[in-house]
Amino acid sequence: MNKITRVFIHGLDSSSRGTKGSYFRARYPGMLLLDYSGSLEERMAQLEKGLSGTENLILVGSSYGGLMAALFACGNEARVRQLILLAPALGHADFTACFRQPLQIPVTLYHGRFDVVVPPEPTRRIAEQLFGNLDYHLVEDDHNLHQIFPTLDWDALLVL
């Protein structure tokens, strides 16, 4: 099997040097951490360029980065091995085309019950339509998942 490529996609107002990006950089030196800016379309073009020629991807997306990871997977399901979504902003795009045939790749989603930035319930409803192999976790945390994020078993999550 081909080498796994692990990728972290940061949120709208963050960077690869934010809390989560720094965490991954320190613990998983081979993880791909790029910076994205501009509109959703510009960010998706940057993501496509950054992942050009790669496959067997494990995409970890936080907030807007979760939206980007989901959109990428919709158009490139054969290249994606797994999605790990952290409070993904799924309500910020039209997934109608993907709803016809739900993605079958494993998706693990963590969302804070007290998230006021990306409400959990609408996100859960979209995720249930979009992903046929969803492992959904509503946790006692806020949007940034500061409490739960460092306690997750990242070694296990990133080896599927």
N, C-alpha and C. Protein backbone atom coordinates (compact mmCIF):
# COMPACT_ATOMS: atom_id res chain seq x y z
N MET A 1 0.84 -1.18 0.00
CA MET A 1 0.00 0.00 0.00
C MET A 1 0.88 1.24 0.00
N ASN A 2 0.41 2.30 -0.62
CA ASN A 2 1.17 3.54 -0.70
C ASN A 2 1.29 4.19 0.68
N LYS A 3 2.28 5.02 0.80
CA LYS A 3 2.53 5.77 2.03
C LYS A 3 1.33 6.67 2.34
N ILE A 4 0.96 6.72 3.62
CA ILE A 4 -0.12 7.60 4.06
C ILE A 4 0.40 9.03 4.14
N THR A 5 -0.38 9.97 3.64
CA THR A 5 -0.05 11.39 3.76
C THR A 5 -1.06 12.01 4.71
N ARG A 6 -0.57 12.51 5.84
CA ARG A 6 -1.42 13.17 6.83
C ARG A 6 -1.37 14.67 6.59
N VAL A 7 -2.56 15.29 6.62
CA VAL A 7 -2.67 16.71 6.30
C VAL A 7 -3.53 17.39 7.35
N PHE A 8 -3.07 18.55 7.86
CA PHE A 8 -3.91 19.37 8.73
C PHE A 8 -4.32 20.62 7.97
N ILE A 9 -5.62 20.92 8.00
CA ILE A 9 -6.17 22.10 7.32
C ILE A 9 -6.78 23.00 8.40
N HIS A 10 -6.17 24.17 8.59
CA HIS A 10 -6.58 25.08 9.65
C HIS A 10 -7.88 25.82 9.31
N GLY A 11 -8.41 26.49 10.30
CA GLY A 11 -9.65 27.24 10.16
C GLY A 11 -9.48 28.60 9.51
N LEU A 12 -10.59 29.30 9.39
CA LEU A 12 -10.65 30.57 8.66
C LEU A 12 -9.70 31.63 9.22
N ASP A 13 -9.72 31.84 10.51
CA ASP A 13 -8.90 32.89 11.10
C ASP A 13 -7.66 32.35 11.80
N SER A 14 -7.19 31.20 11.36
CA SER A 14 -6.03 30.57 11.97
C SER A 14 -4.94 30.40 10.93
N SER A 15 -3.94 29.61 11.27
CA SER A 15 -2.86 29.29 10.35
C SER A 15 -2.27 27.95 10.77
N SER A 16 -1.28 27.51 10.04
CA SER A 16 -0.61 26.26 10.40
C SER A 16 0.22 26.42 11.66
N ARG A 17 0.35 27.66 12.14
CA ARG A 17 1.12 27.95 13.36
C ARG A 17 0.21 28.16 14.57
N GLY A 18 -1.10 27.93 14.40
CA GLY A 18 -2.05 28.05 15.51
C GLY A 18 -1.88 26.91 16.49
N THR A 19 -2.75 26.85 17.47
CA THR A 19 -2.67 25.84 18.53
C THR A 19 -2.65 24.42 17.97
N LYS A 20 -3.60 24.09 17.10
CA LYS A 20 -3.68 22.74 16.56
C LYS A 20 -2.52 22.45 15.61
N GLY A 21 -2.20 23.40 14.75
CA GLY A 21 -1.08 23.22 13.83
C GLY A 21 0.23 23.03 14.58
N SER A 22 0.44 23.79 15.63
CA SER A 22 1.66 23.65 16.44
C SER A 22 1.70 22.29 17.12
N TYR A 23 0.55 21.84 17.59
CA TYR A 23 0.45 20.52 18.22
C TYR A 23 0.89 19.44 17.23
N PHE A 24 0.32 19.47 16.03
CA PHE A 24 0.66 18.46 15.03
C PHE A 24 2.11 18.57 14.57
N ARG A 25 2.60 19.78 14.39
CA ARG A 25 3.98 19.98 13.95
C ARG A 25 4.96 19.36 14.94
N ALA A 26 4.69 19.52 16.24
CA ALA A 26 5.59 19.00 17.28
C ALA A 26 5.52 17.48 17.38
N ARG A 27 4.34 16.90 17.17
CA ARG A 27 4.17 15.46 17.40
C ARG A 27 4.23 14.60 16.14
N TYR A 28 3.93 15.20 15.00
CA TYR A 28 3.90 14.45 13.74
C TYR A 28 4.69 15.23 12.69
N PRO A 29 6.02 15.14 12.74
CA PRO A 29 6.86 15.97 11.87
C PRO A 29 6.63 15.75 10.38
N GLY A 30 6.11 14.61 9.98
CA GLY A 30 5.85 14.37 8.56
C GLY A 30 4.51 14.89 8.07
N MET A 31 3.71 15.43 8.99
CA MET A 31 2.37 15.90 8.63
C MET A 31 2.47 17.15 7.75
N LEU A 32 1.65 17.20 6.72
CA LEU A 32 1.64 18.35 5.82
C LEU A 32 0.78 19.46 6.44
N LEU A 33 1.41 20.60 6.68
CA LEU A 33 0.73 21.76 7.28
C LEU A 33 1.00 22.97 6.40
N LEU A 34 -0.02 23.38 5.66
CA LEU A 34 0.10 24.53 4.78
C LEU A 34 -0.79 25.65 5.29
N ASP A 35 -0.57 26.85 4.79
CA ASP A 35 -1.42 27.99 5.14
C ASP A 35 -2.33 28.33 3.97
N TYR A 36 -3.56 28.70 4.30
CA TYR A 36 -4.58 29.00 3.29
C TYR A 36 -5.14 30.39 3.56
N SER A 37 -5.41 31.13 2.48
CA SER A 37 -5.99 32.46 2.63
C SER A 37 -6.90 32.75 1.45
N GLY A 38 -7.72 33.79 1.61
CA GLY A 38 -8.62 34.21 0.54
C GLY A 38 -10.00 33.60 0.69
N SER A 39 -10.73 33.64 -0.41
CA SER A 39 -12.09 33.09 -0.45
C SER A 39 -12.03 31.57 -0.40
N LEU A 40 -13.19 30.95 -0.23
CA LEU A 40 -13.26 29.49 -0.22
C LEU A 40 -12.69 28.93 -1.51
N GLU A 41 -13.04 29.52 -2.63
CA GLU A 41 -12.54 29.04 -3.92
C GLU A 41 -11.02 29.14 -3.99
N GLU A 42 -10.46 30.25 -3.50
CA GLU A 42 -9.01 30.42 -3.51
C GLU A 42 -8.33 29.41 -2.58
N ARG A 43 -8.93 29.20 -1.42
CA ARG A 43 -8.38 28.23 -0.47
C ARG A 43 -8.43 26.81 -1.04
N MET A 44 -9.52 26.48 -1.71
CA MET A 44 -9.64 25.14 -2.30
C MET A 44 -8.60 24.96 -3.42
N ALA A 45 -8.34 26.00 -4.20
CA ALA A 45 -7.31 25.92 -5.24
C ALA A 45 -5.94 25.72 -4.61
N GLN A 46 -5.69 26.39 -3.49
CA GLN A 46 -4.41 26.22 -2.78
C GLN A 46 -4.30 24.79 -2.24
N LEU A 47 -5.40 24.26 -1.71
CA LEU A 47 -5.40 22.90 -1.19
C LEU A 47 -5.16 21.90 -2.32
N GLU A 48 -5.88 22.05 -3.42
CA GLU A 48 -5.70 21.16 -4.58
C GLU A 48 -4.25 21.17 -5.05
N LYS A 49 -3.66 22.35 -5.13
CA LYS A 49 -2.27 22.47 -5.57
C LYS A 49 -1.33 21.80 -4.56
N GLY A 50 -1.56 22.03 -3.28
CA GLY A 50 -0.71 21.46 -2.23
C GLY A 50 -0.79 19.95 -2.16
N LEU A 51 -1.94 19.38 -2.56
CA LEU A 51 -2.12 17.93 -2.49
C LEU A 51 -1.98 17.25 -3.86
N SER A 52 -1.56 18.01 -4.86
CA SER A 52 -1.38 17.47 -6.20
C SER A 52 -0.42 16.28 -6.17
N GLY A 53 -0.85 15.19 -6.79
CA GLY A 53 -0.02 14.01 -6.88
C GLY A 53 -0.01 13.14 -5.63
N THR A 54 -0.79 13.50 -4.63
CA THR A 54 -0.83 12.69 -3.40
C THR A 54 -2.10 11.85 -3.37
N GLU A 55 -2.02 10.78 -2.64
CA GLU A 55 -3.18 9.92 -2.42
C GLU A 55 -3.01 9.27 -1.06
N ASN A 56 -3.94 8.41 -0.69
CA ASN A 56 -3.89 7.75 0.61
C ASN A 56 -3.83 8.81 1.72
N LEU A 57 -4.71 9.80 1.59
CA LEU A 57 -4.71 10.97 2.46
C LEU A 57 -5.55 10.78 3.71
N ILE A 58 -5.02 11.22 4.84
CA ILE A 58 -5.81 11.40 6.05
C ILE A 58 -5.87 12.90 6.26
N LEU A 59 -7.06 13.46 6.10
CA LEU A 59 -7.26 14.90 6.22
C LEU A 59 -7.86 15.23 7.57
N VAL A 60 -7.19 16.11 8.31
CA VAL A 60 -7.70 16.62 9.58
C VAL A 60 -8.05 18.08 9.32
N GLY A 61 -9.34 18.41 9.45
CA GLY A 61 -9.78 19.77 9.19
C GLY A 61 -10.47 20.37 10.38
N SER A 62 -10.08 21.59 10.72
CA SER A 62 -10.67 22.30 11.85
C SER A 62 -11.53 23.45 11.36
N SER A 63 -12.79 23.47 11.74
CA SER A 63 -13.74 24.53 11.41
C SER A 63 -13.83 24.72 9.90
N TYR A 64 -13.37 25.85 9.38
CA TYR A 64 -13.39 26.10 7.94
C TYR A 64 -12.50 25.09 7.22
N GLY A 65 -11.45 24.65 7.89
CA GLY A 65 -10.60 23.60 7.33
C GLY A 65 -11.33 22.28 7.23
N GLY A 66 -12.28 22.04 8.13
CA GLY A 66 -13.12 20.85 8.04
C GLY A 66 -14.03 20.92 6.83
N LEU A 67 -14.55 22.10 6.56
CA LEU A 67 -15.34 22.32 5.35
C LEU A 67 -14.49 22.02 4.12
N MET A 68 -13.26 22.56 4.11
CA MET A 68 -12.36 22.34 2.97
C MET A 68 -12.04 20.86 2.80
N ALA A 69 -11.78 20.16 3.89
CA ALA A 69 -11.47 18.73 3.82
C ALA A 69 -12.66 17.97 3.24
N ALA A 70 -13.87 18.29 3.68
CA ALA A 70 -15.07 17.62 3.18
C ALA A 70 -15.28 17.89 1.70
N LEU A 71 -15.10 19.15 1.29
CA LEU A 71 -15.24 19.49 -0.13
C LEU A 71 -14.19 18.76 -0.97
N PHE A 72 -12.96 18.73 -0.48
CA PHE A 72 -11.90 18.01 -1.20
C PHE A 72 -12.28 16.54 -1.35
N ALA A 73 -12.75 15.92 -0.27
CA ALA A 73 -13.12 14.51 -0.31
C ALA A 73 -14.27 14.26 -1.28
N CYS A 74 -15.21 15.18 -1.37
CA CYS A 74 -16.34 15.02 -2.30
C CYS A 74 -15.85 14.89 -3.74
N GLY A 75 -14.82 15.63 -4.07
CA GLY A 75 -14.30 15.59 -5.44
C GLY A 75 -13.15 14.62 -5.65
N ASN A 76 -12.65 14.05 -4.56
CA ASN A 76 -11.45 13.20 -4.65
C ASN A 76 -11.54 11.99 -3.72
N GLU A 77 -12.72 11.39 -3.61
CA GLU A 77 -12.91 10.33 -2.62
C GLU A 77 -11.90 9.20 -2.77
N ALA A 78 -11.52 8.85 -3.98
CA ALA A 78 -10.59 7.74 -4.19
C ALA A 78 -9.20 8.04 -3.62
N ARG A 79 -8.89 9.31 -3.44
CA ARG A 79 -7.55 9.69 -2.93
C ARG A 79 -7.54 9.83 -1.41
N VAL A 80 -8.73 9.86 -0.79
CA VAL A 80 -8.82 10.13 0.65
C VAL A 80 -9.08 8.83 1.39
N ARG A 81 -8.26 8.58 2.38
CA ARG A 81 -8.37 7.37 3.19
C ARG A 81 -9.31 7.60 4.37
N GLN A 82 -9.26 8.82 4.93
CA GLN A 82 -10.05 9.12 6.13
C GLN A 82 -10.14 10.63 6.32
N LEU A 83 -11.26 11.06 6.93
CA LEU A 83 -11.43 12.45 7.35
C LEU A 83 -11.57 12.49 8.87
N ILE A 84 -10.91 13.46 9.49
CA ILE A 84 -11.11 13.76 10.90
C ILE A 84 -11.50 15.22 10.95
N LEU A 85 -12.74 15.49 11.33
CA LEU A 85 -13.29 16.83 11.28
C LEU A 85 -13.53 17.37 12.68
N LEU A 86 -13.04 18.57 12.95
CA LEU A 86 -13.15 19.21 14.25
C LEU A 86 -14.04 20.44 14.10
N ALA A 87 -15.27 20.36 14.62
CA ALA A 87 -16.25 21.44 14.50
C ALA A 87 -16.29 22.01 13.08
N PRO A 88 -16.52 21.14 12.09
CA PRO A 88 -16.44 21.59 10.70
C PRO A 88 -17.58 22.53 10.31
N ALA A 89 -17.24 23.54 9.56
CA ALA A 89 -18.21 24.55 9.11
C ALA A 89 -18.94 24.07 7.86
N LEU A 90 -19.59 22.92 7.94
CA LEU A 90 -20.21 22.30 6.77
C LEU A 90 -21.35 23.13 6.19
N GLY A 91 -21.95 23.99 6.99
CA GLY A 91 -23.07 24.80 6.52
C GLY A 91 -22.66 25.94 5.60
N HIS A 92 -21.38 26.09 5.33
CA HIS A 92 -20.89 27.20 4.51
C HIS A 92 -20.68 26.82 3.04
N ALA A 93 -21.19 25.68 2.62
CA ALA A 93 -21.06 25.27 1.22
C ALA A 93 -22.27 24.43 0.83
N ASP A 94 -22.45 24.28 -0.48
CA ASP A 94 -23.53 23.47 -1.02
C ASP A 94 -22.99 22.08 -1.35
N PHE A 95 -23.45 21.09 -0.63
CA PHE A 95 -23.00 19.71 -0.84
C PHE A 95 -24.02 18.90 -1.62
N THR A 96 -24.95 19.54 -2.29
CA THR A 96 -26.04 18.84 -2.97
C THR A 96 -25.53 17.71 -3.85
N ALA A 97 -24.49 17.96 -4.63
CA ALA A 97 -23.96 16.94 -5.54
C ALA A 97 -23.46 15.73 -4.76
N CYS A 98 -22.90 15.94 -3.59
CA CYS A 98 -22.36 14.84 -2.79
C CYS A 98 -23.46 14.07 -2.07
N PHE A 99 -24.62 14.69 -1.83
CA PHE A 99 -25.71 14.01 -1.13
C PHE A 99 -26.28 12.86 -1.95
N ARG A 100 -26.16 12.94 -3.28
CA ARG A 100 -26.71 11.89 -4.14
C ARG A 100 -26.06 10.54 -3.85
N GLN A 101 -24.77 10.58 -3.56
CA GLN A 101 -23.99 9.37 -3.27
C GLN A 101 -23.11 9.68 -2.06
N PRO A 102 -23.57 9.38 -0.83
CA PRO A 102 -22.77 9.71 0.36
C PRO A 102 -21.36 9.11 0.29
N LEU A 103 -20.41 9.85 0.79
CA LEU A 103 -19.02 9.37 0.84
C LEU A 103 -18.95 8.17 1.77
N GLN A 104 -18.18 7.17 1.37
CA GLN A 104 -18.08 5.94 2.16
C GLN A 104 -16.76 5.84 2.94
N ILE A 105 -15.90 6.82 2.82
CA ILE A 105 -14.65 6.79 3.58
C ILE A 105 -14.97 7.02 5.06
N PRO A 106 -14.13 6.50 5.96
CA PRO A 106 -14.37 6.73 7.39
C PRO A 106 -14.23 8.22 7.73
N VAL A 107 -15.20 8.71 8.48
CA VAL A 107 -15.19 10.11 8.93
C VAL A 107 -15.41 10.13 10.44
N THR A 108 -14.48 10.73 11.14
CA THR A 108 -14.61 10.94 12.58
C THR A 108 -14.82 12.42 12.79
N LEU A 109 -15.90 12.78 13.48
CA LEU A 109 -16.25 14.18 13.67
C LEU A 109 -16.42 14.47 15.16
N TYR A 110 -15.71 15.49 15.63
CA TYR A 110 -15.85 15.98 17.00
C TYR A 110 -16.42 17.38 16.95
N HIS A 111 -17.45 17.61 17.76
CA HIS A 111 -18.08 18.94 17.80
C HIS A 111 -18.42 19.27 19.25
N GLY A 112 -18.12 20.51 19.64
CA GLY A 112 -18.41 20.96 21.00
C GLY A 112 -19.88 21.31 21.17
N ARG A 113 -20.46 20.81 22.22
CA ARG A 113 -21.87 21.08 22.54
C ARG A 113 -22.12 22.59 22.72
N PHE A 114 -21.10 23.32 23.17
CA PHE A 114 -21.25 24.74 23.46
C PHE A 114 -20.67 25.62 22.36
N ASP A 115 -20.58 25.10 21.16
CA ASP A 115 -20.04 25.84 20.02
C ASP A 115 -21.05 26.89 19.56
N VAL A 116 -20.68 28.16 19.66
CA VAL A 116 -21.56 29.24 19.21
C VAL A 116 -21.10 29.78 17.84
N VAL A 117 -19.97 29.31 17.33
CA VAL A 117 -19.46 29.74 16.02
C VAL A 117 -20.07 28.88 14.92
N VAL A 118 -20.02 27.57 15.10
CA VAL A 118 -20.59 26.61 14.15
C VAL A 118 -21.55 25.73 14.96
N PRO A 119 -22.83 26.02 14.89
CA PRO A 119 -23.80 25.25 15.69
C PRO A 119 -23.74 23.76 15.39
N PRO A 120 -23.69 22.94 16.45
CA PRO A 120 -23.51 21.50 16.25
C PRO A 120 -24.66 20.80 15.53
N GLU A 121 -25.91 21.14 15.83
CA GLU A 121 -27.03 20.37 15.29
C GLU A 121 -27.15 20.46 13.77
N PRO A 122 -27.10 21.66 13.17
CA PRO A 122 -27.15 21.70 11.70
C PRO A 122 -25.96 20.97 11.06
N THR A 123 -24.80 21.06 11.70
CA THR A 123 -23.62 20.37 11.19
C THR A 123 -23.82 18.86 11.23
N ARG A 124 -24.38 18.36 12.33
CA ARG A 124 -24.64 16.93 12.45
C ARG A 124 -25.58 16.46 11.35
N ARG A 125 -26.64 17.23 11.10
CA ARG A 125 -27.61 16.83 10.06
C ARG A 125 -26.94 16.75 8.68
N ILE A 126 -26.12 17.73 8.35
CA ILE A 126 -25.41 17.71 7.06
C ILE A 126 -24.47 16.52 7.01
N ALA A 127 -23.71 16.31 8.09
CA ALA A 127 -22.74 15.21 8.14
C ALA A 127 -23.43 13.86 7.96
N GLU A 128 -24.60 13.67 8.55
CA GLU A 128 -25.31 12.40 8.44
C GLU A 128 -25.77 12.14 7.00
N GLN A 129 -26.04 13.20 6.25
CA GLN A 129 -26.42 13.04 4.84
C GLN A 129 -25.19 12.83 3.96
N LEU A 130 -24.11 13.47 4.31
CA LEU A 130 -22.92 13.51 3.47
C LEU A 130 -22.02 12.30 3.63
N PHE A 131 -21.96 11.75 4.82
CA PHE A 131 -21.01 10.68 5.12
C PHE A 131 -21.72 9.38 5.49
N GLY A 132 -21.46 8.34 4.72
CA GLY A 132 -22.08 7.04 4.98
C GLY A 132 -21.38 6.23 6.07
N ASN A 133 -20.19 6.68 6.47
CA ASN A 133 -19.40 5.96 7.47
C ASN A 133 -18.94 6.97 8.53
N LEU A 134 -19.91 7.54 9.26
CA LEU A 134 -19.67 8.64 10.19
C LEU A 134 -19.59 8.16 11.63
N ASP A 135 -18.55 8.60 12.32
CA ASP A 135 -18.38 8.38 13.76
C ASP A 135 -18.46 9.76 14.41
N TYR A 136 -19.65 10.12 14.91
CA TYR A 136 -19.94 11.48 15.40
C TYR A 136 -19.82 11.54 16.92
N HIS A 137 -19.12 12.57 17.41
CA HIS A 137 -18.93 12.77 18.84
C HIS A 137 -19.32 14.20 19.22
N LEU A 138 -20.38 14.35 19.99
CA LEU A 138 -20.75 15.65 20.56
C LEU A 138 -20.11 15.69 21.94
N VAL A 139 -19.18 16.61 22.16
CA VAL A 139 -18.39 16.64 23.38
C VAL A 139 -18.66 17.90 24.19
N GLU A 140 -18.32 17.84 25.47
CA GLU A 140 -18.53 18.96 26.38
C GLU A 140 -17.40 19.98 26.19
N ASP A 141 -17.52 20.78 25.15
CA ASP A 141 -16.47 21.74 24.81
C ASP A 141 -17.08 22.84 23.94
N ASP A 142 -16.23 23.81 23.57
CA ASP A 142 -16.69 24.91 22.72
C ASP A 142 -16.18 24.70 21.29
N HIS A 143 -16.22 25.74 20.49
CA HIS A 143 -15.83 25.63 19.09
C HIS A 143 -14.38 25.21 18.90
N ASN A 144 -13.50 25.75 19.71
CA ASN A 144 -12.07 25.47 19.54
C ASN A 144 -11.65 24.09 20.05
N LEU A 145 -12.52 23.44 20.80
CA LEU A 145 -12.24 22.11 21.34
C LEU A 145 -10.94 22.08 22.15
N HIS A 146 -10.67 23.17 22.86
CA HIS A 146 -9.43 23.26 23.63
C HIS A 146 -9.30 22.17 24.69
N GLN A 147 -10.42 21.79 25.30
CA GLN A 147 -10.36 20.76 26.35
C GLN A 147 -10.16 19.37 25.77
N ILE A 148 -10.92 19.04 24.74
CA ILE A 148 -10.90 17.67 24.22
C ILE A 148 -9.75 17.41 23.25
N PHE A 149 -9.37 18.41 22.47
CA PHE A 149 -8.36 18.22 21.42
C PHE A 149 -7.08 17.52 21.90
N PRO A 150 -6.44 18.01 22.97
CA PRO A 150 -5.18 17.36 23.38
C PRO A 150 -5.38 15.99 24.03
N THR A 151 -6.61 15.65 24.38
CA THR A 151 -6.85 14.36 25.03
C THR A 151 -7.19 13.25 24.04
N LEU A 152 -7.43 13.61 22.78
CA LEU A 152 -7.79 12.61 21.77
C LEU A 152 -6.59 11.71 21.49
N ASP A 153 -6.86 10.46 21.15
CA ASP A 153 -5.80 9.51 20.84
C ASP A 153 -5.39 9.71 19.36
N TRP A 154 -4.57 10.73 19.16
CA TRP A 154 -4.16 11.08 17.80
C TRP A 154 -3.35 9.98 17.13
N ASP A 155 -2.56 9.25 17.90
CA ASP A 155 -1.80 8.14 17.32
C ASP A 155 -2.74 7.13 16.67
N ALA A 156 -3.83 6.82 17.35
CA ALA A 156 -4.81 5.87 16.80
C ALA A 156 -5.60 6.50 15.65
N LEU A 157 -6.00 7.76 15.80
CA LEU A 157 -6.79 8.42 14.77
C LEU A 157 -6.02 8.57 13.45
N LEU A 158 -4.74 8.78 13.53
CA LEU A 158 -3.95 9.08 12.34
C LEU A 158 -3.30 7.87 11.69
N VAL A 159 -3.70 6.66 12.08
CA VAL A 159 -3.10 5.46 11.47
C VAL A 159 -4.08 4.59 10.72
N LEU A 160 -5.34 4.94 10.69
CA LEU A 160 -6.35 4.10 10.02
C LEU A 160 -5.91 3.71 8.62
